[in-house]
Amino acid sequence: MQFKVVLEPSDDGGFTIYVPSLPGCISEGDTVEEALVNIREAIALYLEPTGDD
């Protein structure tokens, strides 16, 4: 599964990254590579079933 992500430089340094199609799915990292790793983890957690069904 693939998602479009938006990567932006943060005012305090590093990068903020988010997934427009997954509201609230946002992460950050000190480098582009770290931000990408972190958003992959955030996406996995976002899509994880909660068991509340």
Protein backbone atom coordinates (compact mmCIF):
# COMPACT_ATOMS: atom_id res chain seq x y z
CA MET A 1 0.00 0.00 0.00
CA GLN A 2 1.36 3.42 -0.92
CA PHE A 3 0.44 6.86 0.38
CA LYS A 4 1.41 10.32 -0.76
CA VAL A 5 3.33 12.15 1.97
CA VAL A 6 4.18 15.81 2.33
CA LEU A 7 7.58 16.70 3.77
CA GLU A 8 8.22 20.22 5.00
CA PRO A 9 11.19 21.80 6.77
CA SER A 10 10.36 22.68 10.39
CA ASP A 11 10.94 26.15 11.79
CA ASP A 12 12.97 24.62 14.63
CA GLY A 13 15.09 22.46 12.30
CA GLY A 14 14.42 18.99 10.99
CA PHE A 15 11.36 18.02 9.01
CA THR A 16 7.64 17.53 9.52
CA ILE A 17 5.94 14.89 7.42
CA TYR A 18 2.27 14.03 7.07
CA VAL A 19 -0.15 11.94 5.01
CA PRO A 20 -2.94 14.07 3.52
CA SER A 21 -5.25 11.07 3.02
CA LEU A 22 -4.90 10.01 6.70
CA PRO A 23 -6.06 12.94 8.85
CA GLY A 24 -3.88 13.39 11.91
CA CYS A 25 -1.15 11.06 10.65
CA ILE A 26 1.91 13.24 11.17
CA SER A 27 5.49 12.74 12.27
CA GLU A 28 8.86 14.42 12.19
CA GLY A 29 12.56 13.72 12.01
CA ASP A 30 15.92 15.45 12.15
CA THR A 31 16.70 14.30 8.60
CA VAL A 32 14.60 13.40 5.56
CA GLU A 33 15.50 9.75 6.02
CA GLU A 34 14.50 9.77 9.69
CA ALA A 35 11.21 11.51 8.90
CA LEU A 36 10.41 8.87 6.26
CA VAL A 37 11.13 6.02 8.68
CA ASN A 38 8.98 7.70 11.33
CA ILE A 39 6.02 8.29 9.02
CA ARG A 40 6.07 4.65 7.94
CA GLU A 41 5.70 3.69 11.60
CA ALA A 42 2.96 6.30 12.09
CA ILE A 43 1.05 4.95 9.07
CA ALA A 44 1.27 1.39 10.41
CA LEU A 45 -0.06 2.53 13.79
CA TYR A 46 -2.79 4.61 12.14
CA LEU A 47 -4.02 1.62 10.15
CA GLU A 48 -3.72 -0.89 13.01
CA PRO A 49 -7.09 -2.31 14.02
CA THR A 50 -8.22 -1.09 17.44
CA GLY A 51 -10.55 -3.95 18.28
CA ASP A 52 -13.37 -1.49 18.98
CA ASP A 53 -15.56 -2.92 16.20
